[in-house]
Amino acid sequence: MEEQSHKSEMRAALQGDFERLRARRQSGVSETVAGHSGPEIREVEVTAPAPVPAVAPPSWLDRIRGIR
């Protein structure tokens, strides 16, 4: 019988969660978004990536195998 009571408690909790979700959707603004003032977005200068050498140096595995 404990399982049944646990299931009904979980069902009630889920129903409450969905009711709150519906209320937030109807208001158009989420509580977490309305109450949260996040960091300001700033533009960041993007630097060019480092040039890649035309021929990569041999890896440690190539050196063990004797491939150069």
Protein backbone atom coordinates (compact mmCIF):
# COMPACT_ATOMS: atom_id res chain seq x y z
CA MET A 1 0.00 0.00 0.00
CA GLU A 2 2.93 2.35 0.51
CA GLU A 3 3.65 2.30 -3.22
CA GLN A 4 0.15 3.50 -4.02
CA SER A 5 0.37 6.39 -1.58
CA HIS A 6 3.78 7.30 -2.96
CA LYS A 7 2.40 7.27 -6.49
CA SER A 8 -0.46 9.55 -5.53
CA GLU A 9 1.95 11.99 -3.84
CA MET A 10 4.14 12.06 -6.93
CA ARG A 11 1.09 12.51 -9.18
CA ALA A 12 -0.05 15.46 -7.07
CA ALA A 13 3.42 17.02 -7.20
CA LEU A 14 3.56 16.66 -10.99
CA GLN A 15 0.11 18.16 -11.39
CA GLY A 16 1.20 21.15 -9.29
CA ASP A 17 4.32 21.55 -11.43
CA PHE A 18 2.27 21.53 -14.63
CA GLU A 19 -0.21 24.03 -13.20
CA ARG A 20 2.63 26.42 -12.33
CA LEU A 21 4.08 25.93 -15.82
CA ARG A 22 0.73 26.78 -17.42
CA ALA A 23 0.44 29.89 -15.26
CA ARG A 24 3.92 31.06 -16.29
CA ARG A 25 3.17 30.46 -19.96
CA GLN A 26 -0.06 32.45 -19.69
CA SER A 27 1.74 35.38 -18.07
CA GLY A 28 4.31 35.27 -20.89
CA VAL A 29 7.39 35.57 -18.67
CA SER A 30 9.13 32.88 -16.71
CA GLU A 31 9.74 33.63 -13.03
CA THR A 32 13.39 32.68 -13.35
CA VAL A 33 13.89 34.96 -16.34
CA ALA A 34 12.00 37.88 -14.80
CA GLY A 35 13.88 37.73 -11.51
CA HIS A 36 17.32 37.08 -12.99
CA SER A 37 19.52 39.88 -14.20
CA GLY A 38 22.41 38.11 -15.90
CA PRO A 39 25.78 39.47 -16.92
CA GLU A 40 25.88 42.01 -19.67
CA ILE A 41 26.84 40.74 -23.10
CA ARG A 42 29.97 42.40 -24.44
CA GLU A 43 31.57 42.15 -27.84
CA VAL A 44 34.87 40.34 -27.83
CA GLU A 45 37.55 40.80 -30.46
CA VAL A 46 38.23 37.52 -32.21
CA THR A 47 41.84 36.91 -33.13
CA ALA A 48 42.92 34.90 -36.13
CA PRO A 49 43.98 31.33 -35.38
CA ALA A 50 47.68 30.49 -35.43
CA PRO A 51 48.87 29.27 -38.83
CA VAL A 52 49.19 25.53 -39.17
CA PRO A 53 52.54 24.30 -40.49
CA ALA A 54 52.36 22.65 -43.92
CA VAL A 55 54.05 19.48 -42.67
CA ALA A 56 53.36 18.39 -39.13
CA PRO A 57 56.29 17.07 -37.11
CA PRO A 58 56.22 13.29 -36.62
CA SER A 59 54.22 12.09 -33.66
CA TRP A 60 55.79 10.06 -30.87
CA LEU A 61 54.20 6.95 -32.35
CA ASP A 62 55.74 7.65 -35.78
CA ARG A 63 59.15 8.11 -34.14
CA ILE A 64 58.81 4.74 -32.38
CA ARG A 65 57.88 3.05 -35.63
CA GLY A 66 60.79 4.70 -37.42
CA ILE A 67 58.59 6.66 -39.83
CA ARG A 68 59.86 10.18 -40.51
